[in-house]
Amino acid sequence: MRVDLALFEGDDLLDRKEITVGPSAATDSFKLFQATHQLGQESAEIVLDKFAKHLGLDKITLDMPIHESNDWESIDLGRHMLVFWCRLDA
């Protein structure tokens, strides 16, 4: 499953990158954080951590169902917003 992740502060895009979540554990580095991920039977476990200190964010664990997004999905993190778009690989 491919997941496009973006982190916003208000309307300002802070960081964005596409990751590929597969059966083996992997880690992708963004400018402002790190994403560790692995595909399970029915969901993808994605852990976001090692955020830049000035963001004031702690570790975020996502248990994301395996799916194809119809539009951007979002998670409100207070003054930040995490948005994502999931695509199933053919």
PDB file of N, CA and C in Angstrom:
ATOM      1  N   MET A   1       0.854  -1.165   0.000  1.00  0.00           N
ATOM      2  CA  MET A   1       0.000   0.000   0.000  1.00  0.00           C
ATOM      3  C   MET A   1       0.902   1.229   0.000  1.00  0.00           C
ATOM      4  N   ARG A   2       0.594   2.177  -0.874  1.00  0.00           N
ATOM      5  CA  ARG A   2       1.315   3.446  -0.901  1.00  0.00           C
ATOM      6  C   ARG A   2       0.520   4.467  -0.106  1.00  0.00           C
ATOM      7  N   VAL A   3       1.216   5.225   0.733  1.00  0.00           N
ATOM      8  CA  VAL A   3       0.575   6.230   1.577  1.00  0.00           C
ATOM      9  C   VAL A   3       1.314   7.548   1.398  1.00  0.00           C
ATOM     10  N   ASP A   4       0.588   8.551   0.941  1.00  0.00           N
ATOM     11  CA  ASP A   4       1.131   9.902   0.829  1.00  0.00           C
ATOM     12  C   ASP A   4       0.805  10.595   2.142  1.00  0.00           C
ATOM     13  N   LEU A   5       1.828  10.976   2.899  1.00  0.00           N
ATOM     14  CA  LEU A   5       1.656  11.625   4.203  1.00  0.00           C
ATOM     15  C   LEU A   5       2.085  13.084   4.102  1.00  0.00           C
ATOM     16  N   ALA A   6       1.317  13.965   4.699  1.00  0.00           N
ATOM     17  CA  ALA A   6       1.670  15.384   4.739  1.00  0.00           C
ATOM     18  C   ALA A   6       1.343  15.948   6.119  1.00  0.00           C
ATOM     19  N   LEU A   7       2.219  16.798   6.606  1.00  0.00           N
ATOM     20  CA  LEU A   7       2.032  17.442   7.906  1.00  0.00           C
ATOM     21  C   LEU A   7       1.864  18.942   7.680  1.00  0.00           C
ATOM     22  N   PHE A   8       0.780  19.486   8.215  1.00  0.00           N
ATOM     23  CA  PHE A   8       0.474  20.907   8.091  1.00  0.00           C
ATOM     24  C   PHE A   8       0.462  21.566   9.456  1.00  0.00           C
ATOM     25  N   GLU A   9       0.782  22.853   9.468  1.00  0.00           N
ATOM     26  CA  GLU A   9       0.528  23.721  10.613  1.00  0.00           C
ATOM     27  C   GLU A   9      -0.349  24.830  10.063  1.00  0.00           C
ATOM     28  N   GLY A  10      -1.628  24.790  10.410  1.00  0.00           N
ATOM     29  CA  GLY A  10      -2.585  25.689   9.778  1.00  0.00           C
ATOM     30  C   GLY A  10      -2.656  25.364   8.293  1.00  0.00           C
ATOM     31  N   ASP A  11      -2.477  26.361   7.449  1.00  0.00           N
ATOM     32  CA  ASP A  11      -2.483  26.148   6.002  1.00  0.00           C
ATOM     33  C   ASP A  11      -1.088  25.906   5.431  1.00  0.00           C
ATOM     34  N   ASP A  12      -0.073  25.915   6.278  1.00  0.00           N
ATOM     35  CA  ASP A  12       1.310  25.776   5.817  1.00  0.00           C
ATOM     36  C   ASP A  12       1.727  24.310   5.781  1.00  0.00           C
ATOM     37  N   LEU A  13       2.135  23.860   4.599  1.00  0.00           N
ATOM     38  CA  LEU A  13       2.664  22.508   4.442  1.00  0.00           C
ATOM     39  C   LEU A  13       4.071  22.477   5.013  1.00  0.00           C
ATOM     40  N   LEU A  14       4.285  21.613   6.019  1.00  0.00           N
ATOM     41  CA  LEU A  14       5.590  21.512   6.659  1.00  0.00           C
ATOM     42  C   LEU A  14       6.431  20.385   6.080  1.00  0.00           C
ATOM     43  N   ASP A  15       5.792  19.287   5.722  1.00  0.00           N
ATOM     44  CA  ASP A  15       6.522  18.103   5.267  1.00  0.00           C
ATOM     45  C   ASP A  15       5.572  17.197   4.506  1.00  0.00           C
ATOM     46  N   ARG A  16       6.100  16.551   3.458  1.00  0.00           N
ATOM     47  CA  ARG A  16       5.262  15.635   2.680  1.00  0.00           C
ATOM     48  C   ARG A  16       6.154  14.623   1.980  1.00  0.00           C
ATOM     49  N   LYS A  17       5.674  13.364   1.967  1.00  0.00           N
ATOM     50  CA  LYS A  17       6.423  12.296   1.302  1.00  0.00           C
ATOM     51  C   LYS A  17       5.502  11.094   1.124  1.00  0.00           C
ATOM     52  N   GLU A  18       5.752  10.316   0.094  1.00  0.00           N
ATOM     53  CA  GLU A  18       5.013   9.072  -0.113  1.00  0.00           C
ATOM     54  C   GLU A  18       5.858   7.913   0.402  1.00  0.00           C
ATOM     55  N   ILE A  19       5.212   7.019   1.162  1.00  0.00           N
ATOM     56  CA  ILE A  19       5.887   5.811   1.640  1.00  0.00           C
ATOM     57  C   ILE A  19       5.190   4.596   1.046  1.00  0.00           C
ATOM     58  N   THR A  20       5.927   3.518   0.928  1.00  0.00           N
ATOM     59  CA  THR A  20       5.362   2.250   0.481  1.00  0.00           C
ATOM     60  C   THR A  20       5.391   1.294   1.660  1.00  0.00           C
ATOM     61  N   VAL A  21       4.207   0.886   2.111  1.00  0.00           N
ATOM     62  CA  VAL A  21       4.083   0.005   3.269  1.00  0.00           C
ATOM     63  C   VAL A  21       3.961  -1.421   2.762  1.00  0.00           C
ATOM     64  N   GLY A  22       4.914  -2.264   3.142  1.00  0.00           N
ATOM     65  CA  GLY A  22       4.932  -3.646   2.702  1.00  0.00           C
ATOM     66  C   GLY A  22       5.014  -4.601   3.884  1.00  0.00           C
ATOM     67  N   PRO A  23       5.178  -5.902   3.610  1.00  0.00           N
ATOM     68  CA  PRO A  23       5.185  -6.902   4.683  1.00  0.00           C
ATOM     69  C   PRO A  23       6.407  -6.830   5.603  1.00  0.00           C
ATOM     70  N   SER A  24       7.492  -6.248   5.121  1.00  0.00           N
ATOM     71  CA  SER A  24       8.697  -6.110   5.950  1.00  0.00           C
ATOM     72  C   SER A  24       8.728  -4.738   6.595  1.00  0.00           C
ATOM     73  N   ALA A  25       9.199  -4.685   7.820  1.00  0.00           N
ATOM     74  CA  ALA A  25       9.312  -3.403   8.525  1.00  0.00           C
ATOM     75  C   ALA A  25      10.323  -2.513   7.805  1.00  0.00           C
ATOM     76  N   ALA A  26       9.992  -1.237   7.705  1.00  0.00           N
ATOM     77  CA  ALA A  26      10.872  -0.270   7.050  1.00  0.00           C
ATOM     78  C   ALA A  26      10.710   1.083   7.730  1.00  0.00           C
ATOM     79  N   THR A  27      11.694   1.940   7.535  1.00  0.00           N
ATOM     80  CA  THR A  27      11.662   3.289   8.093  1.00  0.00           C
ATOM     81  C   THR A  27      11.981   4.289   6.997  1.00  0.00           C
ATOM     82  N   ASP A  28      11.176   5.337   6.921  1.00  0.00           N
ATOM     83  CA  ASP A  28      11.406   6.436   5.986  1.00  0.00           C
ATOM     84  C   ASP A  28      11.638   7.706   6.788  1.00  0.00           C
ATOM     85  N   SER A  29      12.619   8.489   6.375  1.00  0.00           N
ATOM     86  CA  SER A  29      12.909   9.755   7.038  1.00  0.00           C
ATOM     87  C   SER A  29      12.315  10.906   6.247  1.00  0.00           C
ATOM     88  N   PHE A  30      11.578  11.746   6.942  1.00  0.00           N
ATOM     89  CA  PHE A  30      11.047  12.985   6.413  1.00  0.00           C
ATOM     90  C   PHE A  30      11.969  14.099   6.902  1.00  0.00           C
ATOM     91  N   LYS A  31      11.726  15.337   6.488  1.00  0.00           N
ATOM     92  CA  LYS A  31      12.537  16.457   6.988  1.00  0.00           C
ATOM     93  C   LYS A  31      12.351  16.652   8.482  1.00  0.00           C
ATOM     94  N   LEU A  32      11.089  16.473   8.967  1.00  0.00           N
ATOM     95  CA  LEU A  32      10.765  16.839  10.345  1.00  0.00           C
ATOM     96  C   LEU A  32      10.392  15.675  11.252  1.00  0.00           C
ATOM     97  N   PHE A  33      10.363  14.461  10.713  1.00  0.00           N
ATOM     98  CA  PHE A  33      10.025  13.298  11.532  1.00  0.00           C
ATOM     99  C   PHE A  33      10.433  12.029  10.793  1.00  0.00           C
ATOM    100  N   GLN A  34      10.143  10.910  11.419  1.00  0.00           N
ATOM    101  CA  GLN A  34      10.470   9.591  10.876  1.00  0.00           C
ATOM    102  C   GLN A  34       9.212   8.724  10.894  1.00  0.00           C
ATOM    103  N   ALA A  35       9.051   7.871   9.884  1.00  0.00           N
ATOM    104  CA  ALA A  35       7.901   6.959   9.810  1.00  0.00           C
ATOM    105  C   ALA A  35       8.408   5.526   9.716  1.00  0.00           C
ATOM    106  N   THR A  36       8.044   4.703  10.697  1.00  0.00           N
ATOM    107  CA  THR A  36       8.345   3.273  10.681  1.00  0.00           C
ATOM    108  C   THR A  36       7.040   2.568  10.380  1.00  0.00           C
ATOM    109  N   HIS A  37       7.070   1.594   9.463  1.00  0.00           N
ATOM    110  CA  HIS A  37       5.813   1.001   9.006  1.00  0.00           C
ATOM    111  C   HIS A  37       5.982  -0.456   8.590  1.00  0.00           C
ATOM    112  N   GLN A  38       4.848  -1.173   8.672  1.00  0.00           N
ATOM    113  CA  GLN A  38       4.793  -2.575   8.260  1.00  0.00           C
ATOM    114  C   GLN A  38       3.341  -2.950   8.000  1.00  0.00           C
ATOM    115  N   LEU A  39       3.139  -3.752   6.976  1.00  0.00           N
ATOM    116  CA  LEU A  39       1.807  -4.193   6.593  1.00  0.00           C
ATOM    117  C   LEU A  39       1.451  -5.461   7.357  1.00  0.00           C
ATOM    118  N   GLY A  40       0.256  -5.460   7.962  1.00  0.00           N
ATOM    119  CA  GLY A  40      -0.251  -6.645   8.639  1.00  0.00           C
ATOM    120  C   GLY A  40      -1.314  -7.312   7.781  1.00  0.00           C
ATOM    121  N   GLN A  41      -2.114  -8.198   8.375  1.00  0.00           N
ATOM    122  CA  GLN A  41      -3.155  -8.909   7.644  1.00  0.00           C
ATOM    123  C   GLN A  41      -4.277  -7.986   7.172  1.00  0.00           C
ATOM    124  N   GLU A  42      -4.737  -7.104   8.043  1.00  0.00           N
ATOM    125  CA  GLU A  42      -5.870  -6.240   7.716  1.00  0.00           C
ATOM    126  C   GLU A  42      -5.560  -4.754   7.853  1.00  0.00           C
ATOM    127  N   SER A  43      -4.379  -4.432   8.365  1.00  0.00           N
ATOM    128  CA  SER A  43      -4.051  -3.022   8.552  1.00  0.00           C
ATOM    129  C   SER A  43      -2.544  -2.805   8.440  1.00  0.00           C
ATOM    130  N   ALA A  44      -2.211  -1.554   8.273  1.00  0.00           N
ATOM    131  CA  ALA A  44      -0.809  -1.146   8.254  1.00  0.00           C
ATOM    132  C   ALA A  44      -0.522  -0.428   9.565  1.00  0.00           C
ATOM    133  N   GLU A  45       0.549  -0.814  10.217  1.00  0.00           N
ATOM    134  CA  GLU A  45       0.963  -0.098  11.421  1.00  0.00           C
ATOM    135  C   GLU A  45       2.003   0.920  10.995  1.00  0.00           C
ATOM    136  N   ILE A  46       1.702   2.179  11.253  1.00  0.00           N
ATOM    137  CA  ILE A  46       2.604   3.273  10.905  1.00  0.00           C
ATOM    138  C   ILE A  46       2.871   4.063  12.177  1.00  0.00           C
ATOM    139  N   VAL A  47       4.140   4.187  12.535  1.00  0.00           N
ATOM    140  CA  VAL A  47       4.529   4.917  13.736  1.00  0.00           C
ATOM    141  C   VAL A  47       5.330   6.138  13.293  1.00  0.00           C
ATOM    142  N   LEU A  48       4.846   7.301  13.668  1.00  0.00           N
ATOM    143  CA  LEU A  48       5.535   8.552  13.384  1.00  0.00           C
ATOM    144  C   LEU A  48       6.195   9.016  14.669  1.00  0.00           C
ATOM    145  N   ASP A  49       7.502   9.277  14.607  1.00  0.00           N
ATOM    146  CA  ASP A  49       8.205   9.733  15.801  1.00  0.00           C
ATOM    147  C   ASP A  49       9.446  10.520  15.397  1.00  0.00           C
ATOM    148  N   LYS A  50      10.245  10.847  16.385  1.00  0.00           N
ATOM    149  CA  LYS A  50      11.448  11.655  16.195  1.00  0.00           C
ATOM    150  C   LYS A  50      11.130  12.968  15.482  1.00  0.00           C
ATOM    151  N   PHE A  51      10.027  13.598  15.936  1.00  0.00           N
ATOM    152  CA  PHE A  51       9.624  14.888  15.394  1.00  0.00           C
ATOM    153  C   PHE A  51      10.638  15.958  15.786  1.00  0.00           C
ATOM    154  N   ALA A  52      10.809  16.950  14.933  1.00  0.00           N
ATOM    155  CA  ALA A  52      11.638  18.104  15.281  1.00  0.00           C
ATOM    156  C   ALA A  52      11.077  18.719  16.566  1.00  0.00           C
ATOM    157  N   LYS A  53      11.950  19.099  17.477  1.00  0.00           N
ATOM    158  CA  LYS A  53      11.521  19.575  18.797  1.00  0.00           C
ATOM    159  C   LYS A  53      10.564  20.752  18.731  1.00  0.00           C
ATOM    160  N   HIS A  54      10.760  21.667  17.787  1.00  0.00           N
ATOM    161  CA  HIS A  54       9.926  22.867  17.734  1.00  0.00           C
ATOM    162  C   HIS A  54       8.462  22.555  17.383  1.00  0.00           C
ATOM    163  N   LEU A  55       8.176  21.349  16.890  1.00  0.00           N
ATOM    164  CA  LEU A  55       6.796  20.982  16.574  1.00  0.00           C
ATOM    165  C   LEU A  55       5.986  20.644  17.820  1.00  0.00           C
ATOM    166  N   GLY A  56       6.659  20.161  18.861  1.00  0.00           N
ATOM    167  CA  GLY A  56       5.963  19.794  20.098  1.00  0.00           C
ATOM    168  C   GLY A  56       5.099  18.552  19.957  1.00  0.00           C
ATOM    169  N   LEU A  57       5.430  17.668  19.007  1.00  0.00           N
ATOM    170  CA  LEU A  57       4.650  16.442  18.796  1.00  0.00           C
ATOM    171  C   LEU A  57       5.388  15.240  19.354  1.00  0.00           C
ATOM    172  N   ASP A  58       4.625  14.305  19.919  1.00  0.00           N
ATOM    173  CA  ASP A  58       5.174  13.058  20.429  1.00  0.00           C
ATOM    174  C   ASP A  58       4.933  11.951  19.410  1.00  0.00           C
ATOM    175  N   LYS A  59       5.263  10.753  19.794  1.00  0.00           N
ATOM    176  CA  LYS A  59       5.055   9.587  18.931  1.00  0.00           C
ATOM    177  C   LYS A  59       3.574   9.404  18.610  1.00  0.00           C
ATOM    178  N   ILE A  60       3.280   9.125  17.331  1.00  0.00           N
ATOM    179  CA  ILE A  60       1.908   8.891  16.874  1.00  0.00           C
ATOM    180  C   ILE A  60       1.862   7.503  16.249  1.00  0.00           C
ATOM    181  N   THR A  61       0.979   6.651  16.742  1.00  0.00           N
ATOM    182  CA  THR A  61       0.827   5.304  16.200  1.00  0.00           C
ATOM    183  C   THR A  61      -0.494   5.217  15.450  1.00  0.00           C
ATOM    184  N   LEU A  62      -0.418   4.853  14.173  1.00  0.00           N
ATOM    185  CA  LEU A  62      -1.606   4.707  13.333  1.00  0.00           C
ATOM    186  C   LEU A  62      -1.821   3.237  13.014  1.00  0.00           C
ATOM    187  N   ASP A  63      -3.003   2.739  13.264  1.00  0.00           N
ATOM    188  CA  ASP A  63      -3.401   1.393  12.857  1.00  0.00           C
ATOM    189  C   ASP A  63      -4.348   1.608  11.680  1.00  0.00           C
ATOM    190  N   MET A  64      -3.765   1.718  10.488  1.00  0.00           N
ATOM    191  CA  MET A  64      -4.493   2.155   9.309  1.00  0.00           C
ATOM    192  C   MET A  64      -5.036   0.962   8.528  1.00  0.00           C
ATOM    193  N   PRO A  65      -6.368   0.861   8.367  1.00  0.00           N
ATOM    194  CA  PRO A  65      -6.921  -0.230   7.563  1.00  0.00           C
ATOM    195  C   PRO A  65      -6.360  -0.195   6.141  1.00  0.00           C
ATOM    196  N   ILE A  66      -6.178  -1.359   5.563  1.00  0.00           N
ATOM    197  CA  ILE A  66      -5.709  -1.441   4.180  1.00  0.00           C
ATOM    198  C   ILE A  66      -6.873  -1.023   3.294  1.00  0.00           C
ATOM    199  N   HIS A  67      -6.704   0.084   2.583  1.00  0.00           N
ATOM    200  CA  HIS A  67      -7.798   0.620   1.782  1.00  0.00           C
ATOM    201  C   HIS A  67      -7.289   1.586   0.727  1.00  0.00           C
ATOM    202  N   GLU A  68      -8.165   1.943  -0.177  1.00  0.00           N
ATOM    203  CA  GLU A  68      -7.901   2.959  -1.193  1.00  0.00           C
ATOM    204  C   GLU A  68      -8.710   4.192  -0.797  1.00  0.00           C
ATOM    205  N   SER A  69      -8.031   5.314  -0.612  1.00  0.00           N
ATOM    206  CA  SER A  69      -8.721   6.552  -0.235  1.00  0.00           C
ATOM    207  C   SER A  69      -9.482   7.119  -1.429  1.00  0.00           C
ATOM    208  N   ASN A  70     -10.630   7.717  -1.140  1.00  0.00           N
ATOM    209  CA  ASN A  70     -11.394   8.429  -2.158  1.00  0.00           C
ATOM    210  C   ASN A  70     -11.005   9.895  -2.212  1.00  0.00           C
ATOM    211  N   ASP A  71     -10.392  10.377  -1.144  1.00  0.00           N
ATOM    212  CA  ASP A  71      -9.990  11.771  -1.011  1.00  0.00           C
ATOM    213  C   ASP A  71      -8.959  11.819   0.115  1.00  0.00           C
ATOM    214  N   TRP A  72      -8.381  12.990   0.340  1.00  0.00           N
ATOM    215  CA  TRP A  72      -7.468  13.136   1.467  1.00  0.00           C
ATOM    216  C   TRP A  72      -8.215  12.857   2.770  1.00  0.00           C
ATOM    217  N   GLU A  73      -7.566  12.150   3.665  1.00  0.00           N
ATOM    218  CA  GLU A  73      -8.094  11.891   5.007  1.00  0.00           C
ATOM    219  C   GLU A  73      -7.210  12.666   5.978  1.00  0.00           C
ATOM    220  N   SER A  74      -7.745  13.010   7.150  1.00  0.00           N
ATOM    221  CA  SER A  74      -6.950  13.834   8.057  1.00  0.00           C
ATOM    222  C   SER A  74      -7.126  13.425   9.514  1.00  0.00           C
ATOM    223  N   ILE A  75      -6.106  13.769  10.281  1.00  0.00           N
ATOM    224  CA  ILE A  75      -6.109  13.564  11.727  1.00  0.00           C
ATOM    225  C   ILE A  75      -5.700  14.894  12.355  1.00  0.00           C
ATOM    226  N   ASP A  76      -6.554  15.430  13.213  1.00  0.00           N
ATOM    227  CA  ASP A  76      -6.294  16.696  13.887  1.00  0.00           C
ATOM    228  C   ASP A  76      -5.334  16.459  15.046  1.00  0.00           C
ATOM    229  N   LEU A  77      -4.222  17.183  15.048  1.00  0.00           N
ATOM    230  CA  LEU A  77      -3.208  17.050  16.101  1.00  0.00           C
ATOM    231  C   LEU A  77      -3.057  18.362  16.877  1.00  0.00           C
ATOM    232  N   GLY A  78      -4.150  19.067  17.081  1.00  0.00           N
ATOM    233  CA  GLY A  78      -4.082  20.365  17.763  1.00  0.00           C
ATOM    234  C   GLY A  78      -3.719  21.438  16.759  1.00  0.00           C
ATOM    235  N   ARG A  79      -2.555  22.055  16.923  1.00  0.00           N
ATOM    236  CA  ARG A  79      -2.171  23.096  15.957  1.00  0.00           C
ATOM    237  C   ARG A  79      -1.629  22.508  14.657  1.00  0.00           C
ATOM    238  N   HIS A  80      -1.467  21.198  14.620  1.00  0.00           N
ATOM    239  CA  HIS A  80      -1.007  20.508  13.409  1.00  0.00           C
ATOM    240  C   HIS A  80      -2.096  19.597  12.859  1.00  0.00           C
ATOM    241  N   MET A  81      -1.965  19.247  11.599  1.00  0.00           N
ATOM    242  CA  MET A  81      -2.891  18.329  10.938  1.00  0.00           C
ATOM    243  C   MET A  81      -2.043  17.346  10.122  1.00  0.00           C
ATOM    244  N   LEU A  82      -2.330  16.060  10.302  1.00  0.00           N
ATOM    245  CA  LEU A  82      -1.696  15.021   9.499  1.00  0.00           C
ATOM    246  C   LEU A  82      -2.712  14.596   8.455  1.00  0.00           C
ATOM    247  N   VAL A  83      -2.350  14.680   7.192  1.00  0.00           N
ATOM    248  CA  VAL A  83      -3.256  14.256   6.127  1.00  0.00           C
ATOM    249  C   VAL A  83      -2.595  13.130   5.358  1.00  0.00           C
ATOM    250  N   PHE A  84      -3.430  12.238   4.813  1.00  0.00           N
ATOM    251  CA  PHE A  84      -2.880  11.093   4.085  1.00  0.00           C
ATOM    252  C   PHE A  84      -3.838  10.638   2.998  1.00  0.00           C
ATOM    253  N   TRP A  85      -3.257   9.967   2.013  1.00  0.00           N
ATOM    254  CA  TRP A  85      -4.016   9.405   0.891  1.00  0.00           C
ATOM    255  C   TRP A  85      -3.435   8.015   0.656  1.00  0.00           C
ATOM    256  N   CYS A  86      -4.270   6.990   0.740  1.00  0.00           N
ATOM    257  CA  CYS A  86      -3.829   5.595   0.577  1.00  0.00           C
ATOM    258  C   CYS A  86      -4.171   5.089  -0.821  1.00  0.00           C
ATOM    259  N   ARG A  87      -3.231   4.350  -1.408  1.00  0.00           N
ATOM    260  CA  ARG A  87      -3.446   3.728  -2.706  1.00  0.00           C
ATOM    261  C   ARG A  87      -2.987   2.273  -2.630  1.00  0.00           C
ATOM    262  N   LEU A  88      -3.805   1.396  -3.177  1.00  0.00           N
ATOM    263  CA  LEU A  88      -3.431  -0.011  -3.232  1.00  0.00           C
ATOM    264  C   LEU A  88      -2.600  -0.242  -4.489  1.00  0.00           C
ATOM    265  N   ASP A  89      -1.517  -0.930  -4.342  1.00  0.00           N
ATOM    266  CA  ASP A  89      -0.672  -1.232  -5.502  1.00  0.00           C
ATOM    267  C   ASP A  89      -1.309  -2.333  -6.328  1.00  0.00           C
ATOM    268  N   ALA A  90      -1.203  -2.227  -7.654  1.00  0.00           N
ATOM    269  CA  ALA A  90      -1.777  -3.233  -8.548  1.00  0.00           C
ATOM    270  C   ALA A  90      -0.902  -4.458  -8.608  1.00  0.00           C
TER     271      ALA A  90
END
